[in-house]
Protein backbone atom coordinates (compact mmCIF):
# COMPACT_ATOMS: atom_id res chain seq x y z
CA MET A 1 -62.12 -122.94 -13.42
CA LYS A 2 -60.88 -119.64 -12.02
CA HIS A 3 -62.23 -118.81 -8.53
CA GLU A 4 -63.05 -115.23 -7.49
CA PRO A 5 -60.85 -114.08 -4.60
CA ILE A 6 -62.56 -114.00 -1.19
CA ASP A 7 -63.51 -110.54 0.00
CA LYS A 8 -62.10 -110.78 3.50
CA PHE A 9 -63.59 -107.48 4.65
CA ALA A 10 -67.07 -108.67 3.61
CA LEU A 11 -66.44 -112.10 5.22
CA VAL A 12 -65.58 -110.53 8.65
CA THR A 13 -68.40 -107.93 8.32
CA ASP A 14 -70.96 -110.69 7.73
CA LYS A 15 -69.86 -112.45 10.89
CA ILE A 16 -70.19 -109.25 12.92
CA ILE A 17 -73.64 -108.59 11.46
CA ASN A 18 -74.74 -112.06 12.51
CA LEU A 19 -73.34 -111.71 16.02
CA LEU A 20 -74.83 -108.29 16.60
CA ALA A 21 -78.20 -109.43 15.31
CA ALA A 22 -77.98 -112.22 17.89
CA GLY A 23 -77.18 -109.74 20.63
CA VAL A 24 -73.48 -110.61 20.85
CA LYS A 25 -70.71 -108.02 20.76
CA PRO A 26 -67.53 -110.04 20.16
CA TRP A 27 -65.22 -107.27 21.27
CA ALA A 28 -66.91 -107.23 24.71
CA ARG A 29 -65.93 -110.84 25.33
CA PRO A 30 -63.21 -111.01 27.99
CA TRP A 31 -59.77 -110.95 26.48
CA HIS A 32 -58.85 -111.56 30.14
CA SER A 33 -60.94 -113.68 32.52
CA ALA A 34 -61.24 -113.85 36.27
CA SER A 35 -58.67 -116.62 36.23
CA GLY A 36 -56.09 -114.42 34.56
CA PRO A 37 -54.88 -113.30 31.15
CA SER A 38 -56.32 -115.27 28.18
CA ILE A 39 -54.46 -113.77 25.29
CA TYR A 40 -55.09 -114.68 21.69
CA ARG A 41 -51.96 -116.23 20.22
CA ASN A 42 -50.46 -118.66 17.75
CA VAL A 43 -50.19 -121.84 19.75
CA ALA A 44 -47.29 -123.19 17.71
CA SER A 45 -44.96 -120.14 17.98
CA GLY A 46 -46.45 -118.74 21.20
CA ASN A 47 -46.59 -115.27 19.64
CA ALA A 48 -49.45 -113.12 20.91
CA TYR A 49 -51.50 -111.37 18.32
CA SER A 50 -51.59 -107.57 18.24
CA GLY A 51 -53.24 -104.70 16.39
CA ILE A 52 -56.73 -105.60 15.06
CA ASN A 53 -55.98 -109.34 15.17
CA PRO A 54 -57.27 -110.02 18.78
CA LEU A 55 -60.55 -108.51 17.63
CA LEU A 56 -60.61 -110.69 14.55
CA CYS A 57 -59.92 -113.70 16.72
CA SER A 58 -62.65 -112.87 19.15
CA ILE A 59 -65.15 -112.49 16.28
CA ASP A 60 -64.39 -116.06 15.15
CA CYS A 61 -64.37 -117.44 18.72
CA ALA A 62 -67.82 -115.93 19.25
CA THR A 63 -69.04 -117.32 15.92
CA LEU A 64 -67.72 -120.77 16.91
CA GLY A 65 -68.87 -120.55 20.48
CA ASP A 66 -65.48 -121.70 21.61
CA PHE A 67 -63.46 -119.04 23.45
CA ARG A 68 -60.13 -120.82 23.79
CA PRO A 69 -57.73 -118.18 22.50
CA PHE A 70 -55.52 -120.43 20.35
CA PHE A 71 -54.92 -120.42 16.58
CA ILE A 72 -52.47 -122.07 14.30
CA GLY A 73 -51.39 -122.10 10.67
CA PHE A 74 -52.12 -125.12 8.52
CA ALA A 75 -48.41 -125.92 7.87
CA GLN A 76 -47.66 -125.55 11.61
CA ALA A 77 -50.47 -127.88 12.57
CA LYS A 78 -49.37 -130.43 9.96
CA ALA A 79 -45.87 -130.43 11.45
CA LEU A 80 -47.45 -131.38 14.79
CA ASN A 81 -49.39 -134.16 13.06
CA TRP A 82 -52.75 -132.51 13.73
CA GLN A 83 -55.36 -133.08 11.06
CA LEU A 84 -57.64 -130.30 9.83
CA GLN A 85 -61.27 -131.45 9.90
CA LYS A 86 -63.19 -131.37 6.68
CA GLY A 87 -65.17 -128.14 6.03
CA SER A 88 -63.09 -126.07 8.44
CA LYS A 89 -62.98 -122.32 7.70
CA SER A 90 -60.00 -120.04 8.01
CA THR A 91 -59.70 -117.13 10.43
CA TRP A 92 -58.24 -114.23 8.44
CA LEU A 93 -55.75 -112.09 10.25
CA ARG A 94 -54.53 -108.71 9.07
CA TRP A 95 -50.85 -107.89 8.65
CA GLY A 96 -49.78 -104.33 8.12
CA GLY A 97 -46.38 -102.82 7.49
CA VAL A 98 -44.30 -100.37 5.51
CA VAL A 99 -42.58 -101.11 2.25
CA LYS A 100 -39.53 -99.04 1.18
CA ARG A 101 -39.30 -98.13 -2.46
CA GLU A 102 -36.47 -96.26 -4.09
CA ARG A 103 -36.96 -94.15 -7.29
CA VAL A 104 -34.80 -91.80 -9.43
CA ASN A 105 -35.69 -88.12 -8.98
CA ALA A 106 -36.21 -86.78 -12.48
CA GLU A 107 -35.18 -83.24 -11.50
CA THR A 108 -32.05 -83.93 -9.32
CA GLY A 109 -30.94 -87.33 -10.70
CA GLY A 110 -30.65 -88.54 -7.14
CA VAL A 111 -32.43 -91.41 -5.54
CA ASP A 112 -35.51 -90.69 -3.40
CA THR A 113 -36.95 -93.18 -0.98
CA ASP A 114 -40.70 -93.56 -0.48
CA TYR A 115 -42.26 -95.48 2.48
CA ILE A 116 -45.63 -96.91 1.51
CA GLY A 117 -48.05 -98.50 3.96
CA CYS A 118 -49.36 -101.86 2.97
CA GLY A 119 -51.41 -104.73 4.37
CA LYS A 120 -52.24 -108.37 3.59
CA TRP A 121 -54.34 -111.11 4.90
CA LEU A 122 -52.99 -114.23 6.66
CA SER A 123 -54.92 -117.49 7.18
CA VAL A 124 -54.91 -119.39 10.48
CA PHE A 125 -57.38 -121.87 12.02
CA HIS A 126 -58.88 -122.16 15.51
CA ILE A 127 -57.63 -125.21 17.39
CA SER A 128 -61.26 -126.58 17.57
CA MET A 129 -60.90 -127.44 13.86
CA PHE A 130 -58.16 -130.07 14.29
CA SER A 131 -57.96 -133.64 15.39
CA ASP A 132 -54.90 -134.76 17.31
CA ALA A 133 -55.52 -138.54 17.01
CA GLY A 134 -52.11 -140.21 16.83
CA ALA A 135 -50.18 -136.98 17.33
CA PRO A 136 -47.15 -137.17 19.67
CA VAL A 137 -48.36 -134.09 21.53
CA SER A 138 -52.10 -133.49 22.08
CA ILE A 139 -53.79 -130.17 21.39
CA ALA A 140 -54.73 -129.88 25.07
CA ALA A 141 -51.16 -130.44 26.23
CA HIS A 142 -49.76 -127.96 23.70
CA CYS A 143 -52.23 -125.28 24.90
CA ALA A 144 -51.67 -126.02 28.61
CA GLN A 145 -48.29 -124.24 28.58
CA TYR A 146 -50.18 -120.96 28.03
CA ALA A 147 -52.70 -121.51 30.82
CA PRO A 148 -53.28 -118.24 32.67
CA GLU A 149 -52.14 -117.68 36.25
CA PRO A 150 -55.00 -117.13 38.65
CA VAL A 151 -55.61 -113.47 39.48
CA ALA A 152 -57.37 -112.38 42.66
CA ARG A 153 -59.25 -109.07 42.59
CA ALA A 154 -61.00 -107.29 45.41
CA ASP A 155 -64.32 -106.06 44.12
CA HIS A 156 -64.90 -102.30 44.44
CA ALA A 157 -61.27 -101.70 45.48
CA ARG A 158 -59.44 -98.99 43.58
CA ASP A 159 -57.03 -100.29 40.94
CA THR A 160 -53.96 -98.18 41.53
CA ALA A 161 -52.35 -99.21 38.20
CA ILE A 162 -55.29 -98.06 36.07
CA ASP A 163 -55.73 -94.96 38.23
CA GLY A 164 -52.04 -94.11 37.72
CA PHE A 165 -52.39 -94.68 33.98
CA VAL A 166 -55.44 -92.39 33.66
CA ALA A 167 -53.68 -89.69 35.73
CA GLU A 168 -50.59 -89.97 33.52
CA THR A 169 -52.69 -89.13 30.44
CA GLY A 170 -53.60 -85.75 31.94
CA ALA A 171 -57.36 -86.28 31.43
CA GLN A 172 -59.55 -84.49 33.91
CA VAL A 173 -61.99 -86.94 35.55
CA LEU A 174 -64.82 -85.53 37.71
CA HIS A 175 -66.84 -87.86 39.89
CA GLY A 176 -70.40 -87.53 41.00
CA GLY A 177 -73.91 -87.83 39.46
CA ASP A 178 -75.47 -90.84 37.81
CA ARG A 179 -74.09 -90.60 34.23
CA ALA A 180 -70.77 -91.43 32.61
CA TYR A 181 -69.86 -89.24 29.68
CA TYR A 182 -67.13 -87.14 28.09
CA MET A 183 -67.89 -83.45 27.44
CA PRO A 184 -65.89 -82.06 24.47
CA THR A 185 -66.77 -78.38 25.24
CA THR A 186 -65.21 -78.60 28.78
CA ASP A 187 -62.73 -81.42 27.88
CA CYS A 188 -63.78 -83.34 31.07
CA ILE A 189 -64.72 -86.90 31.74
CA HIS A 190 -67.63 -87.33 34.14
CA MET A 191 -67.99 -90.55 36.11
CA PRO A 192 -70.35 -91.80 38.80
CA ASP A 193 -68.52 -92.97 41.95
CA LEU A 194 -67.00 -96.46 41.92
CA SER A 195 -69.60 -97.63 44.43
CA ALA A 196 -72.43 -96.85 41.96
CA PHE A 197 -71.23 -99.72 39.67
CA GLY A 198 -72.08 -103.36 40.01
CA THR A 199 -68.43 -104.28 39.79
CA ARG A 200 -65.14 -102.46 39.73
CA GLU A 201 -64.42 -103.87 36.24
CA SER A 202 -67.66 -102.20 35.03
CA TYR A 203 -66.41 -98.92 36.49
CA TYR A 204 -62.99 -99.14 34.94
CA SER A 205 -64.15 -100.41 31.53
CA THR A 206 -66.59 -97.47 31.43
CA LEU A 207 -63.83 -95.01 32.46
CA LEU A 208 -61.56 -96.40 29.66
CA HIS A 209 -64.47 -96.03 27.19
CA GLU A 210 -64.78 -92.33 28.12
CA LEU A 211 -60.99 -91.94 27.96
CA THR A 212 -61.06 -93.11 24.39
CA HIS A 213 -63.66 -90.41 23.66
CA TRP A 214 -61.24 -87.95 25.27
CA THR A 215 -58.55 -88.77 22.69
CA GLY A 216 -60.84 -87.48 19.94
CA HIS A 217 -60.77 -83.87 21.16
CA LYS A 218 -59.70 -81.32 18.50
CA SER A 219 -56.41 -80.70 20.41
CA ARG A 220 -55.52 -84.48 20.17
CA LEU A 221 -56.71 -86.73 17.40
CA ALA A 222 -59.40 -84.43 16.12
CA ARG A 223 -62.18 -86.93 15.41
CA ASP A 224 -65.58 -85.56 14.58
CA MET A 225 -67.17 -85.05 18.02
CA THR A 226 -70.05 -82.82 16.77
CA SER A 227 -72.58 -85.38 15.69
CA GLY A 228 -75.80 -85.54 17.65
CA PHE A 229 -77.18 -88.51 19.51
CA GLY A 230 -78.78 -91.09 17.19
CA SER A 231 -76.79 -89.92 14.12
CA PRO A 232 -74.42 -92.14 12.10
CA GLY A 233 -71.44 -90.01 13.26
CA TYR A 234 -72.36 -90.45 16.87
CA ALA A 235 -72.71 -94.19 16.54
CA PHE A 236 -69.38 -94.36 14.77
CA GLU A 237 -67.66 -92.51 17.64
CA GLU A 238 -69.37 -94.91 20.14
CA LEU A 239 -67.97 -97.90 18.22
CA VAL A 240 -64.49 -96.29 18.30
CA ALA A 241 -64.82 -95.86 22.09
CA GLU A 242 -66.03 -99.41 22.62
CA LEU A 243 -63.15 -100.90 20.60
CA GLY A 244 -60.67 -98.53 22.25
CA ALA A 245 -61.84 -99.61 25.70
CA ALA A 246 -61.45 -103.25 24.61
CA PHE A 247 -57.79 -102.55 23.70
CA LEU A 248 -57.22 -100.69 27.01
CA CYS A 249 -59.00 -103.31 29.12
CA ASN A 250 -56.75 -105.86 27.48
CA ASP A 251 -53.71 -103.89 28.63
CA ALA A 252 -55.11 -103.58 32.10
CA GLY A 253 -56.10 -107.28 32.38
CA ILE A 254 -59.76 -106.69 32.99
CA THR A 255 -62.94 -107.61 31.24
CA SER A 256 -64.62 -105.08 29.05
CA GLU A 257 -68.15 -104.67 30.41
CA ALA A 258 -69.45 -101.37 28.95
CA ASP A 259 -73.13 -101.47 27.81
CA SER A 260 -74.32 -100.15 24.47
CA HIS A 261 -77.50 -98.21 23.73
CA ALA A 262 -79.81 -100.28 21.47
CA SER A 263 -79.79 -97.42 18.85
CA TYR A 264 -76.01 -97.71 18.47
CA ILE A 265 -76.26 -101.42 17.63
CA ASP A 266 -79.09 -100.72 15.10
CA ASN A 267 -76.91 -98.04 13.51
CA TRP A 268 -73.90 -100.29 13.43
CA LEU A 269 -75.92 -103.01 11.68
CA SER A 270 -77.24 -100.53 9.14
CA ARG A 271 -73.71 -99.20 8.36
CA LEU A 272 -72.12 -102.64 8.26
CA LYS A 273 -74.63 -103.82 5.73
CA HIS A 274 -73.70 -100.90 3.42
CA ASP A 275 -69.98 -100.59 4.06
CA THR A 276 -67.84 -103.69 4.47
CA LYS A 277 -64.93 -101.60 5.82
CA PHE A 278 -67.00 -99.68 8.44
CA PHE A 279 -65.81 -101.95 11.31
CA PHE A 280 -62.21 -101.64 10.10
CA LYS A 281 -62.41 -97.87 9.96
CA ALA A 282 -63.65 -97.75 13.56
CA ALA A 283 -60.99 -100.30 14.67
CA GLY A 284 -58.30 -98.18 12.92
CA ALA A 285 -59.45 -95.07 14.80
CA ALA A 286 -59.48 -97.05 18.03
CA ARG A 287 -55.94 -98.26 17.44
CA SER A 288 -54.90 -94.62 16.79
CA ALA A 289 -56.42 -93.70 20.18
CA HIS A 290 -54.62 -96.57 21.82
CA THR A 291 -51.28 -95.54 20.21
CA PHE A 292 -51.90 -91.94 21.42
CA LEU A 293 -52.25 -93.24 24.97
CA GLU A 294 -49.30 -95.63 24.81
CA PRO A 295 -46.81 -93.25 26.53
CA ALA A 296 -49.15 -93.23 29.57
CA VAL A 297 -49.41 -97.01 29.45
CA LYS A 298 -45.67 -97.34 29.57
CA ALA A 299 -45.13 -94.67 32.20
């Protein structure tokens, strides 16, 4: 009997819908914790995941209720003598790349080269889905090598590294008042003072959220910034900013703590139910914003 292929976009979207309906935003889970960096990675190779994959991992960790950031391929686990438990479900990660194709030019007779973007899905499993009974190295021991180093942070102290990064972008940040927002018409970010926030991580995650909005200006990435509050376009831009802030918070080693207006979540749920690629479109725009800011990250 021939089985229909799994629609991975729909599978991930359904998980996000269930989490949002339960009041959980998986991208707002700390990719870094107070004890230090907790990076999603393949526990067999040690390779850290990049692109959209940390988000896809966080969605499954939130679904499972287990936030250990470790995943592994079936064959890799088998080589370690770990047994996959019956009924376990894959976490689908997204690989993207460029394929080179050569073709004969009918007019010149020469060979032209085309570079075509492509993507495919890869299957891994969260470590909670394995048993290590009888294995020479336990799951816990294998994961221990990636235990984060403790990080001490002084609350409400300025973070010179993040401040330097924001300054390097050239974004104009004005402090004062009781609202955080980006104003496209003046191309300025407005922020309350650091002391107005409950924690400095809340301040900086909000600042990075607004900085992601800043990348959408017509002179930069030219996203649609004209939609009014409560509209689908406005909610989409808010999701881009939330995901972009999650990427930037991950770079900075802080927890993403930005709050979302209830109307955004309602709009996201509505869009997700009608468009299985809605989340991926927003994540793609967020990655473009992150790529745009990379020179400042590396400065």
